[in-house]
N, C-alpha and C. Protein backbone atom coordinates (compact mmCIF):
# COMPACT_ATOMS: atom_id res chain seq x y z
N MET A 1 98.10 145.23 77.13
CA MET A 1 99.19 145.19 76.17
C MET A 1 100.39 144.46 76.76
N LYS A 2 100.99 143.57 76.03
CA LYS A 2 102.16 142.89 76.50
C LYS A 2 103.41 143.63 75.96
N PHE A 3 104.47 143.69 76.74
CA PHE A 3 105.67 144.37 76.36
C PHE A 3 106.82 143.34 76.11
N SER A 4 107.57 143.58 75.07
CA SER A 4 108.68 142.70 74.79
C SER A 4 110.01 143.35 75.34
N PHE A 5 110.89 142.52 75.77
CA PHE A 5 112.18 142.99 76.30
C PHE A 5 113.28 142.54 75.28
N THR A 6 114.02 143.52 74.75
CA THR A 6 115.16 143.15 73.92
C THR A 6 116.42 143.70 74.55
N ILE A 7 117.34 142.89 74.96
CA ILE A 7 118.50 143.29 75.75
C ILE A 7 119.80 142.77 75.10
N LEU A 8 120.95 143.26 75.55
CA LEU A 8 122.23 142.97 74.90
C LEU A 8 122.42 141.48 74.63
N THR A 9 122.32 140.64 75.65
CA THR A 9 122.66 139.25 75.42
C THR A 9 121.53 138.32 75.75
N ILE A 10 120.32 138.81 75.97
CA ILE A 10 119.21 137.99 76.34
C ILE A 10 117.92 138.66 75.85
N ILE A 11 116.92 137.85 75.50
CA ILE A 11 115.67 138.35 75.03
C ILE A 11 114.57 137.84 76.00
N PHE A 12 113.85 138.75 76.61
CA PHE A 12 112.67 138.44 77.40
C PHE A 12 111.45 138.73 76.54
N ILE A 13 110.53 137.77 76.38
CA ILE A 13 109.29 138.03 75.67
C ILE A 13 108.15 137.75 76.64
N SER A 14 106.93 138.08 76.21
CA SER A 14 105.81 138.11 77.12
C SER A 14 105.55 136.75 77.79
N SER A 15 105.92 135.64 77.16
CA SER A 15 105.70 134.32 77.71
C SER A 15 106.91 133.93 78.61
N CYS A 16 107.86 134.85 78.79
CA CYS A 16 109.02 134.63 79.61
C CYS A 16 109.93 133.53 79.06
N GLN A 17 109.94 133.28 77.83
CA GLN A 17 110.95 132.38 77.26
C GLN A 17 112.22 133.13 77.22
N ILE A 18 113.32 132.44 77.35
CA ILE A 18 114.65 133.10 77.48
C ILE A 18 115.61 132.48 76.45
N LYS A 19 116.40 133.33 75.79
CA LYS A 19 117.46 132.88 74.88
C LYS A 19 118.78 133.48 75.43
N GLU A 20 119.71 132.61 75.87
CA GLU A 20 120.96 133.09 76.41
C GLU A 20 122.05 132.88 75.36
N THR A 21 122.96 133.81 75.27
CA THR A 21 124.03 133.79 74.27
C THR A 21 125.41 133.83 74.88
N MET A 22 125.49 134.09 76.22
CA MET A 22 126.81 134.23 76.86
C MET A 22 126.72 133.55 78.18
N GLU A 23 127.90 133.38 78.85
CA GLU A 23 128.00 132.71 80.11
C GLU A 23 127.15 133.45 81.19
N ASP A 24 127.15 134.73 81.11
CA ASP A 24 126.27 135.53 81.94
C ASP A 24 125.72 136.66 81.16
N PHE A 25 124.81 137.41 81.70
CA PHE A 25 124.20 138.46 80.96
C PHE A 25 123.87 139.66 81.84
N THR A 26 123.58 140.74 81.24
CA THR A 26 123.16 141.96 81.96
C THR A 26 121.64 142.09 81.82
N TYR A 27 120.96 142.06 82.96
CA TYR A 27 119.53 142.21 82.94
C TYR A 27 119.22 143.69 83.13
N ILE A 28 118.40 144.25 82.27
CA ILE A 28 118.06 145.67 82.29
C ILE A 28 116.57 145.78 82.27
N THR A 29 115.99 146.55 83.21
CA THR A 29 114.57 146.74 83.16
C THR A 29 114.19 147.51 81.90
N ALA A 30 113.11 147.20 81.32
CA ALA A 30 112.73 147.71 80.00
C ALA A 30 112.33 149.20 80.01
N PRO A 31 112.72 149.97 79.04
CA PRO A 31 112.25 151.37 78.97
C PRO A 31 110.81 151.37 78.57
N ARG A 32 109.98 152.19 79.22
CA ARG A 32 108.58 152.23 78.91
C ARG A 32 108.04 153.66 78.93
N LEU A 33 107.40 154.00 77.88
CA LEU A 33 106.66 155.24 77.71
C LEU A 33 107.53 156.49 77.74
N THR A 34 106.99 157.62 78.18
CA THR A 34 107.58 158.92 77.97
C THR A 34 108.32 159.43 79.21
N SER A 35 108.84 160.62 79.06
CA SER A 35 109.60 161.27 80.18
C SER A 35 108.62 161.52 81.33
N PRO A 36 109.11 161.29 82.58
CA PRO A 36 108.28 161.47 83.79
C PRO A 36 108.12 162.95 84.14
N PRO A 37 107.11 163.30 84.91
CA PRO A 37 106.94 164.69 85.36
C PRO A 37 107.99 164.96 86.42
N THR A 38 108.09 166.18 86.85
CA THR A 38 108.98 166.58 87.97
C THR A 38 108.26 166.30 89.26
N LEU A 39 108.84 165.40 90.08
CA LEU A 39 108.25 164.99 91.32
C LEU A 39 109.37 165.01 92.37
N SER A 40 108.98 165.41 93.60
CA SER A 40 109.90 165.33 94.74
C SER A 40 109.06 165.13 96.00
N TRP A 41 109.72 164.52 97.00
CA TRP A 41 109.00 164.29 98.27
C TRP A 41 110.03 164.05 99.36
N PRO A 42 109.83 164.44 100.56
CA PRO A 42 110.81 164.25 101.62
C PRO A 42 111.15 162.77 101.81
N ASN A 43 112.37 162.46 102.17
CA ASN A 43 112.81 161.09 102.47
C ASN A 43 112.56 160.14 101.32
N THR A 44 112.69 160.64 100.11
CA THR A 44 112.43 159.86 98.92
C THR A 44 113.63 159.86 97.94
N GLU A 45 113.89 158.72 97.34
CA GLU A 45 114.97 158.60 96.38
C GLU A 45 114.76 159.59 95.22
N PRO A 46 115.83 160.07 94.61
CA PRO A 46 115.67 160.85 93.39
C PRO A 46 114.91 160.09 92.33
N LEU A 47 114.16 160.77 91.54
CA LEU A 47 113.31 160.13 90.53
C LEU A 47 114.24 159.40 89.54
N GLN A 48 113.95 158.12 89.34
CA GLN A 48 114.73 157.28 88.40
C GLN A 48 114.45 157.68 86.99
N ARG A 49 115.47 158.04 86.21
CA ARG A 49 115.27 158.46 84.84
C ARG A 49 116.03 157.60 83.82
N LYS A 50 116.56 156.50 84.22
CA LYS A 50 117.21 155.62 83.27
C LYS A 50 117.09 154.14 83.78
N MET A 51 117.39 153.24 82.92
CA MET A 51 117.31 151.85 83.20
C MET A 51 118.32 151.43 84.25
N VAL A 52 117.91 150.39 85.01
CA VAL A 52 118.85 149.79 86.01
C VAL A 52 119.52 148.57 85.37
N SER A 53 120.83 148.49 85.47
CA SER A 53 121.57 147.38 84.90
C SER A 53 122.17 146.50 86.01
N ILE A 54 121.84 145.25 86.00
CA ILE A 54 122.32 144.36 87.07
C ILE A 54 122.92 143.12 86.46
N LYS A 55 124.11 142.75 86.87
CA LYS A 55 124.78 141.54 86.36
C LYS A 55 124.26 140.31 87.17
N VAL A 56 123.70 139.35 86.50
CA VAL A 56 123.22 138.14 87.20
C VAL A 56 123.79 136.91 86.51
N PRO A 57 123.96 135.80 87.25
CA PRO A 57 124.55 134.61 86.68
C PRO A 57 123.67 134.01 85.59
N SER A 58 124.28 133.16 84.75
CA SER A 58 123.55 132.48 83.69
C SER A 58 122.48 131.58 84.30
N GLY A 59 121.38 131.43 83.56
CA GLY A 59 120.34 130.51 83.94
C GLY A 59 119.23 131.08 84.83
N TYR A 60 119.41 132.29 85.28
CA TYR A 60 118.38 132.94 86.09
C TYR A 60 117.19 133.34 85.24
N LYS A 61 115.98 133.14 85.75
CA LYS A 61 114.73 133.47 85.01
C LYS A 61 113.71 134.01 85.98
N ASN A 62 112.62 134.53 85.39
CA ASN A 62 111.52 135.07 86.23
C ASN A 62 110.70 133.93 86.81
N LEU A 63 110.99 133.56 88.03
CA LEU A 63 110.35 132.46 88.68
C LEU A 63 108.91 132.73 89.08
N ALA A 64 108.54 134.01 89.13
CA ALA A 64 107.17 134.39 89.57
C ALA A 64 106.16 134.28 88.45
N PHE A 65 106.61 134.14 87.20
CA PHE A 65 105.67 134.18 86.11
C PHE A 65 104.57 133.10 86.25
N ASP A 66 103.33 133.54 86.22
CA ASP A 66 102.19 132.67 86.26
C ASP A 66 102.03 131.84 87.56
N LYS A 67 102.75 132.32 88.62
CA LYS A 67 102.63 131.64 89.93
C LYS A 67 101.44 132.17 90.68
N GLU A 68 101.01 131.35 91.67
CA GLU A 68 99.85 131.71 92.50
C GLU A 68 100.21 132.95 93.39
N VAL A 69 99.21 133.83 93.52
CA VAL A 69 99.38 135.04 94.37
C VAL A 69 98.33 135.02 95.45
N LEU A 70 98.74 135.18 96.71
CA LEU A 70 97.83 135.29 97.83
C LEU A 70 97.89 136.74 98.35
N SER A 71 96.93 137.12 99.16
CA SER A 71 96.91 138.46 99.71
C SER A 71 96.15 138.52 101.03
N SER A 72 96.50 139.51 101.84
CA SER A 72 95.76 139.80 103.07
C SER A 72 94.38 140.30 102.74
N ASP A 73 94.15 140.81 101.52
CA ASP A 73 92.87 141.26 101.04
C ASP A 73 92.37 140.27 99.98
N GLU A 74 91.45 139.39 100.35
CA GLU A 74 91.00 138.35 99.48
C GLU A 74 90.00 138.84 98.44
N ASP A 75 89.53 140.07 98.56
CA ASP A 75 88.54 140.66 97.69
C ASP A 75 88.99 142.06 97.25
N PRO A 76 89.96 142.14 96.35
CA PRO A 76 90.50 143.47 95.96
C PRO A 76 89.44 144.39 95.41
N ILE A 77 89.64 145.72 95.60
CA ILE A 77 88.73 146.72 95.12
C ILE A 77 88.74 146.73 93.56
N ILE A 78 89.95 146.65 93.00
CA ILE A 78 90.11 146.64 91.54
C ILE A 78 91.07 145.51 91.17
N GLY A 79 90.71 144.76 90.15
CA GLY A 79 91.66 143.78 89.57
C GLY A 79 91.60 142.40 90.28
N ASP A 80 92.42 141.50 89.77
CA ASP A 80 92.51 140.13 90.22
C ASP A 80 93.96 139.84 90.62
N LEU A 81 94.16 139.04 91.63
CA LEU A 81 95.55 138.75 92.12
C LEU A 81 96.40 138.14 91.05
N SER A 82 95.84 137.37 90.14
CA SER A 82 96.60 136.71 89.12
C SER A 82 97.29 137.71 88.16
N MET A 83 96.81 138.97 88.12
CA MET A 83 97.37 139.98 87.28
C MET A 83 98.84 140.27 87.63
N LEU A 84 99.20 140.00 88.86
CA LEU A 84 100.55 140.40 89.36
C LEU A 84 101.70 139.58 88.79
N THR A 85 101.37 138.39 88.24
CA THR A 85 102.41 137.51 87.73
C THR A 85 102.13 137.09 86.27
N ASP A 86 101.34 137.88 85.55
CA ASP A 86 100.98 137.48 84.19
C ASP A 86 101.91 138.05 83.14
N GLY A 87 102.95 138.83 83.53
CA GLY A 87 103.89 139.35 82.61
C GLY A 87 103.40 140.62 81.89
N ASP A 88 102.28 141.15 82.28
CA ASP A 88 101.70 142.31 81.64
C ASP A 88 102.06 143.56 82.45
N LEU A 89 102.81 144.50 81.79
CA LEU A 89 103.25 145.64 82.49
C LEU A 89 102.44 146.88 82.10
N ASP A 90 101.28 146.72 81.53
CA ASP A 90 100.42 147.82 81.18
C ASP A 90 100.06 148.58 82.46
N PRO A 91 100.42 149.84 82.57
CA PRO A 91 100.18 150.60 83.86
C PRO A 91 98.73 150.81 84.17
N HIS A 92 97.82 150.59 83.16
CA HIS A 92 96.37 150.75 83.42
C HIS A 92 95.76 149.46 83.98
N GLU A 93 96.53 148.41 83.99
CA GLU A 93 96.08 147.14 84.48
C GLU A 93 96.68 146.85 85.85
N TYR A 94 96.12 147.51 86.88
CA TYR A 94 96.72 147.37 88.22
C TYR A 94 95.68 146.76 89.21
N LEU A 95 96.25 146.32 90.33
CA LEU A 95 95.47 145.77 91.42
C LEU A 95 95.36 146.83 92.52
N GLN A 96 94.16 147.04 93.05
CA GLN A 96 93.97 147.96 94.18
C GLN A 96 93.39 147.20 95.36
N LEU A 97 94.21 147.16 96.45
CA LEU A 97 93.73 146.51 97.67
C LEU A 97 93.14 147.55 98.62
N LYS A 98 92.44 147.05 99.61
CA LYS A 98 91.77 147.93 100.56
C LYS A 98 92.78 148.79 101.29
N PRO A 99 92.35 149.88 101.93
CA PRO A 99 93.26 150.82 102.63
C PRO A 99 93.98 150.17 103.75
N ASN A 100 95.06 150.91 104.17
CA ASN A 100 95.92 150.54 105.30
C ASN A 100 96.80 149.38 104.95
N LYS A 101 97.43 148.80 105.96
CA LYS A 101 98.50 147.78 105.69
C LYS A 101 97.90 146.55 105.06
N GLN A 102 98.52 146.13 103.93
CA GLN A 102 98.11 144.94 103.22
C GLN A 102 99.38 144.25 102.65
N TRP A 103 99.23 143.01 102.29
CA TRP A 103 100.34 142.30 101.69
C TRP A 103 99.88 141.44 100.56
N ILE A 104 100.80 141.20 99.60
CA ILE A 104 100.64 140.19 98.62
C ILE A 104 101.77 139.19 98.75
N GLN A 105 101.52 137.94 98.34
CA GLN A 105 102.48 136.87 98.56
C GLN A 105 102.52 135.96 97.34
N ILE A 106 103.74 135.64 96.88
CA ILE A 106 103.89 134.78 95.71
C ILE A 106 104.48 133.43 96.14
N ASP A 107 103.90 132.35 95.71
CA ASP A 107 104.41 130.99 96.02
C ASP A 107 105.23 130.56 94.78
N LEU A 108 106.54 130.41 94.94
CA LEU A 108 107.36 129.98 93.86
C LEU A 108 107.33 128.40 93.68
N GLU A 109 106.59 127.75 94.54
CA GLU A 109 106.32 126.30 94.48
C GLU A 109 107.47 125.41 95.05
N LYS A 110 108.62 125.94 95.12
CA LYS A 110 109.73 125.25 95.78
C LYS A 110 110.80 126.29 96.10
N GLN A 111 111.82 125.89 96.86
CA GLN A 111 112.87 126.83 97.30
C GLN A 111 113.80 127.11 96.10
N TYR A 112 114.15 128.39 95.93
CA TYR A 112 115.04 128.83 94.89
C TYR A 112 116.11 129.75 95.48
N SER A 113 117.17 129.91 94.73
CA SER A 113 118.15 131.04 95.05
C SER A 113 117.59 132.25 94.33
N ILE A 114 117.42 133.32 95.03
CA ILE A 114 116.78 134.54 94.48
C ILE A 114 117.81 135.68 94.40
N TYR A 115 117.82 136.38 93.29
CA TYR A 115 118.81 137.35 93.04
C TYR A 115 118.26 138.78 92.89
N VAL A 116 117.15 138.85 92.16
CA VAL A 116 116.54 140.16 91.91
C VAL A 116 115.03 140.06 92.01
N ILE A 117 114.41 141.05 92.60
CA ILE A 117 112.97 141.19 92.64
C ILE A 117 112.58 142.58 92.03
N ASN A 118 111.73 142.56 91.05
CA ASN A 118 111.23 143.80 90.41
C ASN A 118 109.78 143.95 90.80
N ILE A 119 109.42 145.17 91.22
CA ILE A 119 108.02 145.45 91.66
C ILE A 119 107.51 146.67 90.94
N TRP A 120 106.37 146.63 90.37
CA TRP A 120 105.65 147.76 89.81
C TRP A 120 104.40 147.98 90.66
N PHE A 121 104.28 149.14 91.21
CA PHE A 121 103.12 149.47 92.05
C PHE A 121 102.07 150.16 91.18
N LYS A 122 102.05 151.50 91.23
CA LYS A 122 101.16 152.27 90.33
C LYS A 122 101.97 153.51 89.95
N ARG A 123 101.90 153.88 88.66
CA ARG A 123 102.68 154.99 88.11
C ARG A 123 102.57 156.24 88.94
N TRP A 124 103.70 156.81 89.33
CA TRP A 124 103.88 158.09 89.99
C TRP A 124 103.35 158.11 91.45
N GLU A 125 103.02 156.96 92.00
CA GLU A 125 102.65 156.90 93.39
C GLU A 125 103.91 156.66 94.26
N ILE A 126 103.90 157.20 95.49
CA ILE A 126 104.93 156.89 96.46
C ILE A 126 104.27 156.00 97.55
N MET A 127 104.52 154.71 97.46
CA MET A 127 103.90 153.79 98.38
C MET A 127 104.62 153.87 99.72
N LYS A 128 103.85 153.75 100.80
CA LYS A 128 104.41 153.82 102.13
C LYS A 128 104.63 152.48 102.74
N ASP A 129 105.65 152.40 103.59
CA ASP A 129 105.92 151.17 104.34
C ASP A 129 106.08 149.95 103.46
N VAL A 130 106.87 150.05 102.39
CA VAL A 130 107.12 148.90 101.52
C VAL A 130 108.14 148.02 102.19
N ILE A 131 107.71 146.78 102.49
CA ILE A 131 108.56 145.80 103.14
C ILE A 131 108.53 144.54 102.30
N VAL A 132 109.68 144.00 101.95
CA VAL A 132 109.78 142.81 101.10
C VAL A 132 110.53 141.75 101.91
N GLN A 133 109.87 140.61 102.01
CA GLN A 133 110.41 139.49 102.81
C GLN A 133 110.43 138.19 102.01
N ILE A 134 111.37 137.30 102.36
CA ILE A 134 111.49 136.00 101.74
C ILE A 134 111.51 134.97 102.87
N SER A 135 110.82 133.83 102.64
CA SER A 135 110.73 132.79 103.66
C SER A 135 110.41 131.47 103.00
N ASN A 136 110.68 130.35 103.73
CA ASN A 136 110.16 129.03 103.35
C ASN A 136 108.93 128.67 104.12
N ASP A 137 108.48 129.57 104.98
CA ASP A 137 107.29 129.34 105.77
C ASP A 137 106.13 130.15 105.16
N ILE A 138 105.08 129.45 104.76
CA ILE A 138 103.94 130.12 104.09
C ILE A 138 103.28 131.16 104.97
N ALA A 139 103.32 130.95 106.27
CA ALA A 139 102.77 131.93 107.22
C ALA A 139 103.68 133.03 107.64
N PHE A 140 104.93 132.97 107.25
CA PHE A 140 105.98 133.99 107.59
C PHE A 140 106.05 134.19 109.10
N LYS A 141 106.04 133.03 109.78
CA LYS A 141 106.16 133.04 111.21
C LYS A 141 107.62 132.74 111.67
N LYS A 142 108.39 132.12 110.79
CA LYS A 142 109.78 131.73 111.15
C LYS A 142 110.64 131.81 109.88
N ASP A 143 111.94 131.89 110.14
CA ASP A 143 112.91 131.89 109.03
C ASP A 143 112.56 132.94 107.95
N VAL A 144 112.30 134.16 108.44
CA VAL A 144 111.93 135.23 107.57
C VAL A 144 113.13 136.20 107.36
N LYS A 145 113.39 136.56 106.11
CA LYS A 145 114.47 137.45 105.80
C LYS A 145 113.85 138.68 105.16
N THR A 146 114.11 139.86 105.78
CA THR A 146 113.61 141.13 105.20
C THR A 146 114.74 141.69 104.34
N ILE A 147 114.43 141.91 103.06
CA ILE A 147 115.45 142.44 102.16
C ILE A 147 115.22 143.88 101.76
N PHE A 148 114.08 144.46 102.12
CA PHE A 148 113.77 145.87 101.87
C PHE A 148 112.80 146.36 102.89
N ASN A 149 113.02 147.55 103.44
CA ASN A 149 112.09 148.16 104.42
C ASN A 149 112.25 149.68 104.37
N ASN A 150 111.23 150.38 103.88
CA ASN A 150 111.29 151.83 103.95
C ASN A 150 110.21 152.44 104.82
N ASP A 151 109.84 151.68 105.88
CA ASP A 151 108.94 152.20 106.88
C ASP A 151 109.71 153.19 107.74
N LEU A 152 109.44 154.48 107.59
CA LEU A 152 110.22 155.51 108.22
C LEU A 152 109.97 155.69 109.71
N ASP A 153 108.83 155.21 110.19
CA ASP A 153 108.46 155.45 111.59
C ASP A 153 107.95 154.21 112.32
N ASN A 154 108.19 153.01 111.79
CA ASN A 154 107.73 151.77 112.33
C ASN A 154 106.23 151.67 112.48
N SER A 155 105.51 152.33 111.62
CA SER A 155 104.06 152.30 111.68
C SER A 155 103.49 150.94 111.28
N SER A 156 104.30 150.09 110.59
CA SER A 156 103.85 148.76 110.25
C SER A 156 104.36 147.69 111.18
N ASN A 157 105.12 148.13 112.21
CA ASN A 157 105.50 147.24 113.27
C ASN A 157 106.49 146.14 112.86
N PHE A 158 107.35 146.46 111.87
CA PHE A 158 108.43 145.59 111.48
C PHE A 158 109.82 146.22 111.84
N GLY A 159 109.80 147.25 112.55
CA GLY A 159 111.00 148.03 112.84
C GLY A 159 111.19 149.11 111.79
N LYS A 160 111.93 150.17 112.20
CA LYS A 160 112.21 151.29 111.33
C LYS A 160 113.11 150.84 110.20
N GLY A 161 112.75 151.12 108.95
CA GLY A 161 113.54 150.67 107.83
C GLY A 161 114.71 151.62 107.52
N ASN A 162 115.64 151.05 106.77
CA ASN A 162 116.83 151.83 106.34
C ASN A 162 116.80 152.31 104.92
N ASN A 163 115.73 151.87 104.20
CA ASN A 163 115.61 152.25 102.81
C ASN A 163 114.71 153.45 102.62
N LEU A 164 114.95 154.21 101.57
CA LEU A 164 114.14 155.40 101.31
C LEU A 164 112.87 155.04 100.55
N GLN A 165 111.89 155.97 100.68
CA GLN A 165 110.70 155.83 99.83
C GLN A 165 111.14 156.09 98.35
N PHE A 166 110.25 155.75 97.44
CA PHE A 166 110.59 155.94 96.01
C PHE A 166 109.30 156.26 95.22
N ILE A 167 109.50 156.93 94.12
CA ILE A 167 108.38 157.22 93.23
C ILE A 167 108.29 156.12 92.19
N ASP A 168 107.15 155.49 92.12
CA ASP A 168 106.99 154.34 91.19
C ASP A 168 106.90 154.89 89.75
N THR A 169 107.76 154.37 88.89
CA THR A 169 107.83 154.79 87.50
C THR A 169 107.69 153.57 86.58
N HIS A 170 107.79 153.78 85.30
CA HIS A 170 107.70 152.69 84.34
C HIS A 170 108.87 151.72 84.46
N PHE A 171 109.93 152.11 85.14
CA PHE A 171 111.08 151.23 85.38
C PHE A 171 110.83 150.23 86.52
N GLY A 172 109.86 150.50 87.39
CA GLY A 172 109.62 149.65 88.52
C GLY A 172 110.66 149.85 89.59
N LYS A 173 110.55 149.09 90.68
CA LYS A 173 111.53 149.13 91.79
C LYS A 173 112.31 147.84 91.74
N THR A 174 113.65 147.92 91.56
CA THR A 174 114.50 146.75 91.51
C THR A 174 115.20 146.58 92.82
N ILE A 175 115.06 145.40 93.42
CA ILE A 175 115.72 145.08 94.68
C ILE A 175 116.61 143.89 94.49
N GLN A 176 117.88 144.07 94.68
CA GLN A 176 118.87 142.98 94.55
C GLN A 176 119.11 142.31 95.90
N THR A 177 119.19 140.97 95.87
CA THR A 177 119.37 140.24 97.10
C THR A 177 120.25 139.00 96.79
N ASN A 178 120.58 138.29 97.82
CA ASN A 178 121.27 136.97 97.67
C ASN A 178 120.64 136.06 98.71
N SER A 179 119.46 135.58 98.41
CA SER A 179 118.64 134.87 99.40
C SER A 179 118.09 133.58 98.81
N THR A 180 117.58 132.69 99.67
CA THR A 180 116.88 131.51 99.23
C THR A 180 115.49 131.49 99.87
N GLY A 181 114.52 130.94 99.17
CA GLY A 181 113.22 130.83 99.75
C GLY A 181 112.20 130.41 98.70
N GLN A 182 111.01 130.07 99.20
CA GLN A 182 109.91 129.66 98.36
C GLN A 182 108.82 130.75 98.24
N TYR A 183 108.69 131.58 99.27
CA TYR A 183 107.59 132.56 99.29
C TYR A 183 108.17 134.00 99.37
N ILE A 184 107.55 134.85 98.60
CA ILE A 184 107.89 136.30 98.60
C ILE A 184 106.67 137.00 99.12
N ARG A 185 106.87 137.83 100.15
CA ARG A 185 105.73 138.68 100.65
C ARG A 185 106.14 140.14 100.54
N ILE A 186 105.22 140.96 100.05
CA ILE A 186 105.42 142.40 99.88
C ILE A 186 104.31 143.14 100.60
N TYR A 187 104.70 143.97 101.58
CA TYR A 187 103.74 144.81 102.26
C TYR A 187 103.73 146.22 101.71
N SER A 188 102.57 146.87 101.85
CA SER A 188 102.51 148.34 101.68
C SER A 188 101.42 148.81 102.60
N ASN A 189 101.49 150.13 102.88
CA ASN A 189 100.56 150.70 103.89
C ASN A 189 100.06 152.01 103.37
N GLY A 190 99.31 151.95 102.25
CA GLY A 190 98.83 153.18 101.59
C GLY A 190 99.96 153.89 100.83
N ASN A 191 99.67 155.12 100.44
CA ASN A 191 100.68 155.92 99.74
C ASN A 191 100.68 157.33 100.25
N CYS A 192 101.45 158.19 99.68
CA CYS A 192 101.63 159.55 100.25
C CYS A 192 100.48 160.46 99.92
N MET A 193 99.48 159.99 99.12
CA MET A 193 98.29 160.80 98.81
C MET A 193 97.05 160.30 99.51
N ASN A 194 96.96 158.97 99.74
CA ASN A 194 95.81 158.40 100.38
C ASN A 194 96.18 157.05 100.95
N ARG A 195 95.20 156.28 101.43
CA ARG A 195 95.48 155.02 102.14
C ARG A 195 95.43 153.83 101.20
N ASN A 196 95.27 154.02 99.91
CA ASN A 196 95.10 152.92 98.97
C ASN A 196 96.40 152.21 98.70
N ASN A 197 96.33 150.94 98.38
CA ASN A 197 97.47 150.07 98.04
C ASN A 197 97.36 149.58 96.63
N TYR A 198 98.41 149.77 95.81
CA TYR A 198 98.36 149.43 94.40
C TYR A 198 99.53 148.52 94.06
N PHE A 199 99.30 147.52 93.17
CA PHE A 199 100.35 146.70 92.61
C PHE A 199 100.02 146.46 91.13
N THR A 200 101.05 146.40 90.27
CA THR A 200 100.84 146.13 88.88
C THR A 200 101.46 144.80 88.45
N GLU A 201 102.72 144.57 88.83
CA GLU A 201 103.42 143.36 88.39
C GLU A 201 104.57 143.06 89.35
N ILE A 202 104.86 141.75 89.51
CA ILE A 202 106.01 141.34 90.31
C ILE A 202 106.81 140.34 89.49
N GLU A 203 108.14 140.59 89.50
CA GLU A 203 109.09 139.64 88.91
C GLU A 203 110.07 139.20 89.98
N VAL A 204 110.38 137.90 89.94
CA VAL A 204 111.36 137.37 90.88
C VAL A 204 112.36 136.52 90.10
N TYR A 205 113.62 137.02 89.99
CA TYR A 205 114.65 136.38 89.20
C TYR A 205 115.54 135.52 90.05
N GLY A 206 115.68 134.21 89.69
CA GLY A 206 116.49 133.30 90.42
C GLY A 206 116.58 132.00 89.69
N LYS A 207 117.09 130.96 90.36
CA LYS A 207 117.12 129.66 89.78
C LYS A 207 117.32 128.58 90.93
């Protein structure tokens, strides 16, 4: 199922066409489905119960839509890598990668200014060691900028992170940045219930 976004000054539709009506706009993650259950976990952000509103400059769009996705797991257990940039937020249509540390990577095809990254993992899961990086190097060997890291014990060997774990909901995880790059890489290292890695959709807003 495709979801439509109707927002104050901008309309996002499933094909990611955009209609702007003001010099800038407020991007709001779309409300989806019903009230969440009561969940809590140590070292974890409070459960998000409302939309996130972020002011972004005019002309920014979802650069990740329909872009190529690579992964450390070339043969996922469930799903296809292309699902992550198809604009489909159906929580039942998710990607499952093999256990332990894995990554997915999006090629934006050229360097862009990046302002917001939205990530949907799997509903109600708490993914471990989520690390989000931006680079112009496809191998992420140089010029790498880490914009999010919630590895609490350096078990993924990128250093101990300063961000908290979070419960994945229908709002997704919104990460604001002010970076430039062509490649987005997102790591996870299982979740708080098992070693599985899940992703549903990735959005990268920039221009």
